[in-house]
């Protein structure tokens, strides 16, 4: 058995959750916050049989899309306007860990 920890942007969480459920996977959702942009994420805890790992990962990959977003660059300001400049960063997608499970019990 494996445990998938999937950290997904909050904007993609409902799509990922619905797709996982549609494929027969059950997940626990945790509200989490990223350290870089300090924006909301959802961390999914998904217990699966080893043979189903690739199918679950593909489901997440299809519904957690990467995109670019403009964010303020706090360390530099335009000298003429005293307004912060922005930089483009990639957000979304998923960060996934697949862990071995030594024991699983459900009561």
PDB file of N, CA and C in Angstrom:
ATOM      1  N   UNK A   1       0.842  -1.178   0.000  1.00  0.00           N
ATOM      2  CA  UNK A   1       0.000   0.000   0.000  1.00  0.00           C
ATOM      3  C   UNK A   1       0.885   1.238   0.000  1.00  0.00           C
ATOM      4  N   UNK A   2       0.380   2.310  -0.605  1.00  0.00           N
ATOM      5  CA  UNK A   2       1.105   3.569  -0.702  1.00  0.00           C
ATOM      6  C   UNK A   2       0.232   4.706  -0.176  1.00  0.00           C
ATOM      7  N   UNK A   3       0.900   5.751   0.288  1.00  0.00           N
ATOM      8  CA  UNK A   3       0.226   6.981   0.692  1.00  0.00           C
ATOM      9  C   UNK A   3       0.715   8.081  -0.229  1.00  0.00           C
ATOM     10  N   UNK A   4      -0.214   8.712  -0.930  1.00  0.00           N
ATOM     11  CA  UNK A   4       0.117   9.833  -1.804  1.00  0.00           C
ATOM     12  C   UNK A   4      -0.208  11.120  -1.059  1.00  0.00           C
ATOM     13  N   UNK A   5       0.801  11.991  -0.936  1.00  0.00           N
ATOM     14  CA  UNK A   5       0.601  13.336  -0.411  1.00  0.00           C
ATOM     15  C   UNK A   5       0.692  14.261  -1.614  1.00  0.00           C
ATOM     16  N   UNK A   6      -0.406  14.902  -1.957  1.00  0.00           N
ATOM     17  CA  UNK A   6      -0.440  15.783  -3.122  1.00  0.00           C
ATOM     18  C   UNK A   6      -0.800  17.189  -2.674  1.00  0.00           C
ATOM     19  N   UNK A   7       0.118  18.124  -2.868  1.00  0.00           N
ATOM     20  CA  UNK A   7      -0.105  19.524  -2.509  1.00  0.00           C
ATOM     21  C   UNK A   7      -0.521  20.249  -3.780  1.00  0.00           C
ATOM     22  N   UNK A   8      -1.745  20.774  -3.765  1.00  0.00           N
ATOM     23  CA  UNK A   8      -2.373  21.336  -4.959  1.00  0.00           C
ATOM     24  C   UNK A   8      -2.814  22.763  -4.667  1.00  0.00           C
ATOM     25  N   UNK A   9      -2.691  23.650  -5.642  1.00  0.00           N
ATOM     26  CA  UNK A   9      -3.174  25.020  -5.511  1.00  0.00           C
ATOM     27  C   UNK A   9      -4.662  25.008  -5.183  1.00  0.00           C
ATOM     28  N   UNK A  10      -5.094  25.911  -4.291  1.00  0.00           N
ATOM     29  CA  UNK A  10      -6.502  25.925  -3.865  1.00  0.00           C
ATOM     30  C   UNK A  10      -7.458  26.128  -5.040  1.00  0.00           C
ATOM     31  N   UNK A  11      -6.996  26.800  -6.106  1.00  0.00           N
ATOM     32  CA  UNK A  11      -7.861  27.019  -7.266  1.00  0.00           C
ATOM     33  C   UNK A  11      -8.145  25.734  -8.030  1.00  0.00           C
ATOM     34  N   UNK A  12      -7.291  24.732  -7.878  1.00  0.00           N
ATOM     35  CA  UNK A  12      -7.461  23.453  -8.576  1.00  0.00           C
ATOM     36  C   UNK A  12      -8.051  22.367  -7.675  1.00  0.00           C
ATOM     37  N   UNK A  13      -8.164  22.629  -6.389  1.00  0.00           N
ATOM     38  CA  UNK A  13      -8.514  21.589  -5.422  1.00  0.00           C
ATOM     39  C   UNK A  13      -9.864  20.935  -5.698  1.00  0.00           C
ATOM     40  N   UNK A  14     -10.881  21.702  -6.046  1.00  0.00           N
ATOM     41  CA  UNK A  14     -12.194  21.102  -6.289  1.00  0.00           C
ATOM     42  C   UNK A  14     -12.190  20.199  -7.511  1.00  0.00           C
ATOM     43  N   UNK A  15     -11.477  20.611  -8.561  1.00  0.00           N
ATOM     44  CA  UNK A  15     -11.389  19.774  -9.764  1.00  0.00           C
ATOM     45  C   UNK A  15     -10.648  18.467  -9.464  1.00  0.00           C
ATOM     46  N   UNK A  16      -9.555  18.566  -8.734  1.00  0.00           N
ATOM     47  CA  UNK A  16      -8.785  17.370  -8.379  1.00  0.00           C
ATOM     48  C   UNK A  16      -9.618  16.455  -7.494  1.00  0.00           C
ATOM     49  N   UNK A  17     -10.273  17.023  -6.501  1.00  0.00           N
ATOM     50  CA  UNK A  17     -11.100  16.238  -5.586  1.00  0.00           C
ATOM     51  C   UNK A  17     -12.210  15.492  -6.326  1.00  0.00           C
ATOM     52  N   UNK A  18     -12.904  16.201  -7.208  1.00  0.00           N
ATOM     53  CA  UNK A  18     -13.977  15.575  -7.974  1.00  0.00           C
ATOM     54  C   UNK A  18     -13.476  14.480  -8.890  1.00  0.00           C
ATOM     55  N   UNK A  19     -12.336  14.721  -9.526  1.00  0.00           N
ATOM     56  CA  UNK A  19     -11.768  13.727 -10.446  1.00  0.00           C
ATOM     57  C   UNK A  19     -11.307  12.481  -9.689  1.00  0.00           C
ATOM     58  N   UNK A  20     -10.687  12.674  -8.524  1.00  0.00           N
ATOM     59  CA  UNK A  20     -10.266  11.522  -7.724  1.00  0.00           C
ATOM     60  C   UNK A  20     -11.465  10.685  -7.308  1.00  0.00           C
ATOM     61  N   UNK A  21     -12.504  11.345  -6.836  1.00  0.00           N
ATOM     62  CA  UNK A  21     -13.705  10.634  -6.410  1.00  0.00           C
ATOM     63  C   UNK A  21     -14.347   9.888  -7.581  1.00  0.00           C
ATOM     64  N   UNK A  22     -14.381  10.528  -8.738  1.00  0.00           N
ATOM     65  CA  UNK A  22     -14.945   9.909  -9.939  1.00  0.00           C
ATOM     66  C   UNK A  22     -14.180   8.642 -10.334  1.00  0.00           C
ATOM     67  N   UNK A  23     -12.870   8.643 -10.067  1.00  0.00           N
ATOM     68  CA  UNK A  23     -12.032   7.486 -10.385  1.00  0.00           C
ATOM     69  C   UNK A  23     -12.022   6.444  -9.262  1.00  0.00           C
ATOM     70  N   UNK A  24     -12.789   6.706  -8.183  1.00  0.00           N
ATOM     71  CA  UNK A  24     -12.901   5.730  -7.103  1.00  0.00           C
ATOM     72  C   UNK A  24     -11.867   5.880  -5.999  1.00  0.00           C
ATOM     73  N   UNK A  25     -11.155   6.994  -5.972  1.00  0.00           N
ATOM     74  CA  UNK A  25     -10.174   7.236  -4.913  1.00  0.00           C
ATOM     75  C   UNK A  25     -10.805   8.092  -3.819  1.00  0.00           C
ATOM     76  N   UNK A  26     -10.522   7.746  -2.596  1.00  0.00           N
ATOM     77  CA  UNK A  26     -10.982   8.526  -1.454  1.00  0.00           C
ATOM     78  C   UNK A  26      -9.796   9.297  -0.897  1.00  0.00           C
ATOM     79  N   UNK A  27     -10.013  10.549  -0.547  1.00  0.00           N
ATOM     80  CA  UNK A  27      -8.920  11.390  -0.082  1.00  0.00           C
ATOM     81  C   UNK A  27      -9.359  12.222   1.111  1.00  0.00           C
ATOM     82  N   UNK A  28      -8.420  12.485   1.970  1.00  0.00           N
ATOM     83  CA  UNK A  28      -8.603  13.444   3.048  1.00  0.00           C
ATOM     84  C   UNK A  28      -7.968  14.740   2.587  1.00  0.00           C
ATOM     85  N   UNK A  29      -8.701  15.845   2.738  1.00  0.00           N
ATOM     86  CA  UNK A  29      -8.211  17.151   2.304  1.00  0.00           C
ATOM     87  C   UNK A  29      -7.836  17.986   3.518  1.00  0.00           C
ATOM     88  N   UNK A  30      -6.660  18.590   3.447  1.00  0.00           N
ATOM     89  CA  UNK A  30      -6.185  19.489   4.497  1.00  0.00           C
ATOM     90  C   UNK A  30      -5.918  20.855   3.890  1.00  0.00           C
ATOM     91  N   UNK A  31      -6.391  21.912   4.538  1.00  0.00           N
ATOM     92  CA  UNK A  31      -6.079  23.269   4.086  1.00  0.00           C
ATOM     93  C   UNK A  31      -4.661  23.595   4.545  1.00  0.00           C
ATOM     94  N   UNK A  32      -3.797  23.960   3.588  1.00  0.00           N
ATOM     95  CA  UNK A  32      -2.408  24.268   3.901  1.00  0.00           C
ATOM     96  C   UNK A  32      -2.019  25.586   3.235  1.00  0.00           C
ATOM     97  N   UNK A  33      -0.881  26.119   3.638  1.00  0.00           N
ATOM     98  CA  UNK A  33      -0.392  27.377   3.076  1.00  0.00           C
ATOM     99  C   UNK A  33       1.033  27.186   2.597  1.00  0.00           C
ATOM    100  N   UNK A  34       1.303  27.669   1.384  1.00  0.00           N
ATOM    101  CA  UNK A  34       2.652  27.570   0.826  1.00  0.00           C
ATOM    102  C   UNK A  34       3.579  28.591   1.442  1.00  0.00           C
ATOM    103  N   UNK A  35       4.860  28.295   1.456  1.00  0.00           N
ATOM    104  CA  UNK A  35       5.837  29.185   2.057  1.00  0.00           C
ATOM    105  C   UNK A  35       6.306  30.293   1.135  1.00  0.00           C
ATOM    106  N   UNK A  36       6.317  30.068  -0.179  1.00  0.00           N
ATOM    107  CA  UNK A  36       6.873  31.047  -1.108  1.00  0.00           C
ATOM    108  C   UNK A  36       5.922  32.218  -1.322  1.00  0.00           C
ATOM    109  N   UNK A  37       4.732  31.957  -1.836  1.00  0.00           N
ATOM    110  CA  UNK A  37       3.766  33.030  -2.087  1.00  0.00           C
ATOM    111  C   UNK A  37       2.784  33.220  -0.938  1.00  0.00           C
ATOM    112  N   UNK A  38       2.837  32.331   0.028  1.00  0.00           N
ATOM    113  CA  UNK A  38       1.944  32.376   1.183  1.00  0.00           C
ATOM    114  C   UNK A  38       0.470  32.365   0.771  1.00  0.00           C
ATOM    115  N   UNK A  39       0.161  31.551  -0.223  1.00  0.00           N
ATOM    116  CA  UNK A  39      -1.210  31.407  -0.693  1.00  0.00           C
ATOM    117  C   UNK A  39      -1.743  30.045  -0.284  1.00  0.00           C
ATOM    118  N   UNK A  40      -3.039  29.907  -0.339  1.00  0.00           N
ATOM    119  CA  UNK A  40      -3.680  28.683   0.086  1.00  0.00           C
ATOM    120  C   UNK A  40      -3.450  27.519  -0.863  1.00  0.00           C
ATOM    121  N   UNK A  41      -3.265  26.377  -0.276  1.00  0.00           N
ATOM    122  CA  UNK A  41      -3.163  25.116  -0.997  1.00  0.00           C
ATOM    123  C   UNK A  41      -4.118  24.131  -0.348  1.00  0.00           C
ATOM    124  N   UNK A  42      -4.293  23.017  -1.001  1.00  0.00           N
ATOM    125  CA  UNK A  42      -4.976  21.880  -0.399  1.00  0.00           C
ATOM    126  C   UNK A  42      -4.032  20.704  -0.484  1.00  0.00           C
ATOM    127  N   UNK A  43      -3.812  20.032   0.631  1.00  0.00           N
ATOM    128  CA  UNK A  43      -2.987  18.832   0.642  1.00  0.00           C
ATOM    129  C   UNK A  43      -3.917  17.636   0.743  1.00  0.00           C
ATOM    130  N   UNK A  44      -3.798  16.747  -0.237  1.00  0.00           N
ATOM    131  CA  UNK A  44      -4.608  15.534  -0.276  1.00  0.00           C
ATOM    132  C   UNK A  44      -3.797  14.374   0.294  1.00  0.00           C
ATOM    133  N   UNK A  45      -4.422  13.591   1.163  1.00  0.00           N
ATOM    134  CA  UNK A  45      -3.852  12.343   1.663  1.00  0.00           C
ATOM    135  C   UNK A  45      -4.664  11.224   1.024  1.00  0.00           C
ATOM    136  N   UNK A  46      -4.009  10.406   0.195  1.00  0.00           N
ATOM    137  CA  UNK A  46      -4.718   9.395  -0.573  1.00  0.00           C
ATOM    138  C   UNK A  46      -4.033   8.048  -0.356  1.00  0.00           C
ATOM    139  N   UNK A  47      -4.726   7.120   0.242  1.00  0.00           N
ATOM    140  CA  UNK A  47      -4.208   5.764   0.405  1.00  0.00           C
ATOM    141  C   UNK A  47      -4.632   4.919  -0.789  1.00  0.00           C
ATOM    142  N   UNK A  48      -3.651   4.283  -1.446  1.00  0.00           N
ATOM    143  CA  UNK A  48      -3.954   3.483  -2.635  1.00  0.00           C
ATOM    144  C   UNK A  48      -3.137   2.205  -2.627  1.00  0.00           C
ATOM    145  N   UNK A  49      -3.651   1.199  -3.329  1.00  0.00           N
ATOM    146  CA  UNK A  49      -2.855   0.004  -3.586  1.00  0.00           C
ATOM    147  C   UNK A  49      -1.731   0.383  -4.537  1.00  0.00           C
ATOM    148  N   UNK A  50      -0.631  -0.306  -4.441  1.00  0.00           N
ATOM    149  CA  UNK A  50       0.537   0.029  -5.263  1.00  0.00           C
ATOM    150  C   UNK A  50       0.210   0.029  -6.755  1.00  0.00           C
ATOM    151  N   UNK A  51      -0.658  -0.866  -7.185  1.00  0.00           N
ATOM    152  CA  UNK A  51      -1.005  -0.956  -8.613  1.00  0.00           C
ATOM    153  C   UNK A  51      -1.803   0.258  -9.104  1.00  0.00           C
ATOM    154  N   UNK A  52      -2.384   1.052  -8.186  1.00  0.00           N
ATOM    155  CA  UNK A  52      -3.212   2.201  -8.559  1.00  0.00           C
ATOM    156  C   UNK A  52      -2.489   3.547  -8.469  1.00  0.00           C
ATOM    157  N   UNK A  53      -1.229   3.545  -8.092  1.00  0.00           N
ATOM    158  CA  UNK A  53      -0.497   4.800  -7.904  1.00  0.00           C
ATOM    159  C   UNK A  53      -0.459   5.615  -9.191  1.00  0.00           C
ATOM    160  N   UNK A  54      -0.058   5.001 -10.295  1.00  0.00           N
ATOM    161  CA  UNK A  54       0.067   5.750 -11.547  1.00  0.00           C
ATOM    162  C   UNK A  54      -1.267   6.325 -12.003  1.00  0.00           C
ATOM    163  N   UNK A  55      -2.333   5.587 -11.813  1.00  0.00           N
ATOM    164  CA  UNK A  55      -3.670   6.075 -12.204  1.00  0.00           C
ATOM    165  C   UNK A  55      -4.069   7.273 -11.357  1.00  0.00           C
ATOM    166  N   UNK A  56      -3.779   7.244 -10.062  1.00  0.00           N
ATOM    167  CA  UNK A  56      -4.096   8.376  -9.185  1.00  0.00           C
ATOM    168  C   UNK A  56      -3.256   9.594  -9.550  1.00  0.00           C
ATOM    169  N   UNK A  57      -1.967   9.383  -9.824  1.00  0.00           N
ATOM    170  CA  UNK A  57      -1.094  10.496 -10.189  1.00  0.00           C
ATOM    171  C   UNK A  57      -1.527  11.132 -11.504  1.00  0.00           C
ATOM    172  N   UNK A  58      -1.934  10.322 -12.449  1.00  0.00           N
ATOM    173  CA  UNK A  58      -2.399  10.856 -13.735  1.00  0.00           C
ATOM    174  C   UNK A  58      -3.665  11.690 -13.540  1.00  0.00           C
ATOM    175  N   UNK A  59      -4.534  11.256 -12.675  1.00  0.00           N
ATOM    176  CA  UNK A  59      -5.762  11.991 -12.369  1.00  0.00           C
ATOM    177  C   UNK A  59      -5.426  13.371 -11.794  1.00  0.00           C
ATOM    178  N   UNK A  60      -4.477  13.424 -10.886  1.00  0.00           N
ATOM    179  CA  UNK A  60      -4.054  14.703 -10.290  1.00  0.00           C
ATOM    180  C   UNK A  60      -3.416  15.586 -11.360  1.00  0.00           C
ATOM    181  N   UNK A  61      -2.527  14.989 -12.143  1.00  0.00           N
ATOM    182  CA  UNK A  61      -1.808  15.741 -13.180  1.00  0.00           C
ATOM    183  C   UNK A  61      -2.768  16.385 -14.181  1.00  0.00           C
ATOM    184  N   UNK A  62      -3.821  15.696 -14.541  1.00  0.00           N
ATOM    185  CA  UNK A  62      -4.780  16.215 -15.517  1.00  0.00           C
ATOM    186  C   UNK A  62      -5.591  17.398 -14.992  1.00  0.00           C
ATOM    187  N   UNK A  63      -5.724  17.516 -13.662  1.00  0.00           N
ATOM    188  CA  UNK A  63      -6.624  18.522 -13.093  1.00  0.00           C
ATOM    189  C   UNK A  63      -5.931  19.580 -12.239  1.00  0.00           C
ATOM    190  N   UNK A  64      -4.617  19.519 -12.128  1.00  0.00           N
ATOM    191  CA  UNK A  64      -3.858  20.535 -11.391  1.00  0.00           C
ATOM    192  C   UNK A  64      -2.964  21.240 -12.405  1.00  0.00           C
ATOM    193  N   UNK A  65      -3.449  22.342 -12.936  1.00  0.00           N
ATOM    194  CA  UNK A  65      -2.749  22.993 -14.046  1.00  0.00           C
ATOM    195  C   UNK A  65      -1.770  24.064 -13.573  1.00  0.00           C
ATOM    196  N   UNK A  66      -0.631  24.138 -14.270  1.00  0.00           N
ATOM    197  CA  UNK A  66       0.334  25.203 -14.014  1.00  0.00           C
ATOM    198  C   UNK A  66      -0.061  26.432 -14.813  1.00  0.00           C
ATOM    199  N   UNK A  67       0.195  27.606 -14.241  1.00  0.00           N
ATOM    200  CA  UNK A  67      -0.071  28.868 -14.926  1.00  0.00           C
ATOM    201  C   UNK A  67       0.856  29.925 -14.356  1.00  0.00           C
ATOM    202  N   UNK A  68       0.969  31.039 -15.043  1.00  0.00           N
ATOM    203  CA  UNK A  68       1.817  32.113 -14.529  1.00  0.00           C
ATOM    204  C   UNK A  68       0.947  33.178 -13.880  1.00  0.00           C
ATOM    205  N   UNK A  69       1.527  33.855 -12.907  1.00  0.00           N
ATOM    206  CA  UNK A  69       0.807  34.879 -12.157  1.00  0.00           C
ATOM    207  C   UNK A  69       1.792  36.013 -11.848  1.00  0.00           C
ATOM    208  N   UNK A  70       1.319  37.242 -11.961  1.00  0.00           N
ATOM    209  CA  UNK A  70       2.152  38.393 -11.622  1.00  0.00           C
ATOM    210  C   UNK A  70       2.075  38.638 -10.117  1.00  0.00           C
ATOM    211  N   UNK A  71       3.235  38.757  -9.494  1.00  0.00           N
ATOM    212  CA  UNK A  71       3.294  39.054  -8.063  1.00  0.00           C
ATOM    213  C   UNK A  71       4.230  40.232  -7.843  1.00  0.00           C
ATOM    214  N   UNK A  72       3.984  41.039  -6.816  1.00  0.00           N
ATOM    215  CA  UNK A  72       4.863  42.183  -6.558  1.00  0.00           C
ATOM    216  C   UNK A  72       6.260  41.728  -6.154  1.00  0.00           C
ATOM    217  N   UNK A  73       7.240  42.403  -6.684  1.00  0.00           N
ATOM    218  CA  UNK A  73       8.620  42.155  -6.302  1.00  0.00           C
ATOM    219  C   UNK A  73       8.970  43.216  -5.266  1.00  0.00           C
ATOM    220  N   UNK A  74       8.933  42.865  -4.021  1.00  0.00           N
ATOM    221  CA  UNK A  74       9.051  43.834  -2.938  1.00  0.00           C
ATOM    222  C   UNK A  74      10.433  44.456  -2.824  1.00  0.00           C
ATOM    223  N   UNK A  75      11.445  43.815  -3.371  1.00  0.00           N
ATOM    224  CA  UNK A  75      12.794  44.354  -3.202  1.00  0.00           C
ATOM    225  C   UNK A  75      13.138  45.457  -4.197  1.00  0.00           C
ATOM    226  N   UNK A  76      12.327  45.659  -5.240  1.00  0.00           N
ATOM    227  CA  UNK A  76      12.661  46.714  -6.196  1.00  0.00           C
ATOM    228  C   UNK A  76      11.441  47.580  -6.496  1.00  0.00           C
ATOM    229  N   UNK A  77      11.669  48.846  -6.647  1.00  0.00           N
ATOM    230  CA  UNK A  77      10.617  49.802  -6.973  1.00  0.00           C
ATOM    231  C   UNK A  77      11.043  50.597  -8.190  1.00  0.00           C
ATOM    232  N   UNK A  78      10.065  51.000  -8.964  1.00  0.00           N
ATOM    233  CA  UNK A  78      10.341  51.895 -10.088  1.00  0.00           C
ATOM    234  C   UNK A  78      10.705  53.260  -9.524  1.00  0.00           C
ATOM    235  N   UNK A  79      11.834  53.807  -9.918  1.00  0.00           N
ATOM    236  CA  UNK A  79      12.298  55.086  -9.371  1.00  0.00           C
ATOM    237  C   UNK A  79      11.350  56.226  -9.727  1.00  0.00           C
ATOM    238  N   UNK A  80      10.672  56.126 -10.859  1.00  0.00           N
ATOM    239  CA  UNK A  80       9.803  57.219 -11.296  1.00  0.00           C
ATOM    240  C   UNK A  80       8.440  57.197 -10.602  1.00  0.00           C
ATOM    241  N   UNK A  81       7.929  56.045 -10.323  1.00  0.00           N
ATOM    242  CA  UNK A  81       6.569  55.962  -9.801  1.00  0.00           C
ATOM    243  C   UNK A  81       6.497  55.518  -8.348  1.00  0.00           C
ATOM    244  N   UNK A  82       7.589  55.064  -7.797  1.00  0.00           N
ATOM    245  CA  UNK A  82       7.598  54.514  -6.440  1.00  0.00           C
ATOM    246  C   UNK A  82       6.550  53.412  -6.281  1.00  0.00           C
ATOM    247  N   UNK A  83       6.319  52.699  -7.346  1.00  0.00           N
ATOM    248  CA  UNK A  83       5.386  51.569  -7.343  1.00  0.00           C
ATOM    249  C   UNK A  83       6.203  50.279  -7.420  1.00  0.00           C
ATOM    250  N   UNK A  84       5.776  49.254  -6.747  1.00  0.00           N
ATOM    251  CA  UNK A  84       6.527  48.007  -6.857  1.00  0.00           C
ATOM    252  C   UNK A  84       6.403  47.424  -8.272  1.00  0.00           C
ATOM    253  N   UNK A  85       7.478  46.835  -8.733  1.00  0.00           N
ATOM    254  CA  UNK A  85       7.424  46.137 -10.015  1.00  0.00           C
ATOM    255  C   UNK A  85       6.890  44.733  -9.770  1.00  0.00           C
ATOM    256  N   UNK A  86       6.452  44.086 -10.821  1.00  0.00           N
ATOM    257  CA  UNK A  86       5.937  42.717 -10.681  1.00  0.00           C
ATOM    258  C   UNK A  86       6.824  41.760 -11.457  1.00  0.00           C
ATOM    259  N   UNK A  87       6.798  40.527 -11.011  1.00  0.00           N
ATOM    260  CA  UNK A  87       7.488  39.455 -11.714  1.00  0.00           C
ATOM    261  C   UNK A  87       6.483  38.347 -11.984  1.00  0.00           C
ATOM    262  N   UNK A  88       6.738  37.579 -13.013  1.00  0.00           N
ATOM    263  CA  UNK A  88       5.875  36.455 -13.350  1.00  0.00           C
ATOM    264  C   UNK A  88       6.419  35.190 -12.678  1.00  0.00           C
ATOM    265  N   UNK A  89       5.559  34.488 -11.970  1.00  0.00           N
ATOM    266  CA  UNK A  89       5.959  33.229 -11.345  1.00  0.00           C
ATOM    267  C   UNK A  89       4.980  32.142 -11.776  1.00  0.00           C
ATOM    268  N   UNK A  90       5.450  30.918 -11.766  1.00  0.00           N
ATOM    269  CA  UNK A  90       4.601  29.779 -12.089  1.00  0.00           C
ATOM    270  C   UNK A  90       3.903  29.317 -10.817  1.00  0.00           C
ATOM    271  N   UNK A  91       2.591  29.175 -10.891  1.00  0.00           N
ATOM    272  CA  UNK A  91       1.801  28.678  -9.765  1.00  0.00           C
ATOM    273  C   UNK A  91       0.973  27.496 -10.265  1.00  0.00           C
ATOM    274  N   UNK A  92       0.361  26.810  -9.347  1.00  0.00           N
ATOM    275  CA  UNK A  92      -0.485  25.682  -9.717  1.00  0.00           C
ATOM    276  C   UNK A  92       0.324  24.412  -9.854  1.00  0.00           C
ATOM    277  N   UNK A  93      -0.251  23.461 -10.561  1.00  0.00           N
ATOM    278  CA  UNK A  93       0.397  22.162 -10.651  1.00  0.00           C
ATOM    279  C   UNK A  93       0.232  21.425  -9.338  1.00  0.00           C
ATOM    280  N   UNK A  94       1.105  20.502  -9.091  1.00  0.00           N
ATOM    281  CA  UNK A  94       1.034  19.719  -7.858  1.00  0.00           C
ATOM    282  C   UNK A  94       2.435  19.305  -7.444  1.00  0.00           C
ATOM    283  N   UNK A  95       2.642  19.249  -6.143  1.00  0.00           N
ATOM    284  CA  UNK A  95       3.847  18.662  -5.579  1.00  0.00           C
ATOM    285  C   UNK A  95       3.402  17.378  -4.907  1.00  0.00           C
ATOM    286  N   UNK A  96       4.006  16.265  -5.308  1.00  0.00           N
ATOM    287  CA  UNK A  96       3.500  14.959  -4.885  1.00  0.00           C
ATOM    288  C   UNK A  96       4.611  14.125  -4.250  1.00  0.00           C
ATOM    289  N   UNK A  97       4.267  13.498  -3.146  1.00  0.00           N
ATOM    290  CA  UNK A  97       5.132  12.531  -2.483  1.00  0.00           C
ATOM    291  C   UNK A  97       4.387  11.198  -2.446  1.00  0.00           C
ATOM    292  N   UNK A  98       5.073  10.125  -2.763  1.00  0.00           N
ATOM    293  CA  UNK A  98       4.489   8.789  -2.670  1.00  0.00           C
ATOM    294  C   UNK A  98       5.304   8.028  -1.631  1.00  0.00           C
ATOM    295  N   UNK A  99       4.620   7.609  -0.570  1.00  0.00           N
ATOM    296  CA  UNK A  99       5.286   6.969   0.568  1.00  0.00           C
ATOM    297  C   UNK A  99       4.814   5.529   0.749  1.00  0.00           C
ATOM    298  N   UNK A 100       5.707   4.696   1.224  1.00  0.00           N
ATOM    299  CA  UNK A 100       5.319   3.332   1.578  1.00  0.00           C
ATOM    300  C   UNK A 100       4.506   3.358   2.877  1.00  0.00           C
ATOM    301  N   UNK A 101       3.525   2.484   2.964  1.00  0.00           N
ATOM    302  CA  UNK A 101       2.709   2.353   4.167  1.00  0.00           C
ATOM    303  C   UNK A 101       3.009   0.990   4.769  1.00  0.00           C
ATOM    304  N   UNK A 102       3.527   0.978   5.974  1.00  0.00           N
ATOM    305  CA  UNK A 102       3.844  -0.289   6.646  1.00  0.00           C
ATOM    306  C   UNK A 102       2.597  -0.966   7.178  1.00  0.00           C
ATOM    307  N   UNK A 103       1.639  -0.157   7.576  1.00  0.00           N
ATOM    308  CA  UNK A 103       0.427  -0.722   8.182  1.00  0.00           C
ATOM    309  C   UNK A 103      -0.738   0.204   7.938  1.00  0.00           C
ATOM    310  N   UNK A 104      -1.885  -0.370   7.661  1.00  0.00           N
ATOM    311  CA  UNK A 104      -3.105   0.399   7.448  1.00  0.00           C
ATOM    312  C   UNK A 104      -4.231  -0.281   8.201  1.00  0.00           C
ATOM    313  N   UNK A 105      -4.968   0.487   8.976  1.00  0.00           N
ATOM    314  CA  UNK A 105      -6.136  -0.016   9.685  1.00  0.00           C
ATOM    315  C   UNK A 105      -7.260   0.966   9.553  1.00  0.00           C
ATOM    316  N   UNK A 106      -8.449   0.474   9.431  1.00  0.00           N
ATOM    317  CA  UNK A 106      -9.628   1.336   9.373  1.00  0.00           C
ATOM    318  C   UNK A 106     -10.674   0.740  10.317  1.00  0.00           C
ATOM    319  N   UNK A 107     -11.155   1.571  11.223  1.00  0.00           N
ATOM    320  CA  UNK A 107     -12.122   1.093  12.216  1.00  0.00           C
ATOM    321  C   UNK A 107     -13.498   1.604  11.904  1.00  0.00           C
TER     322      UNK A 107
END
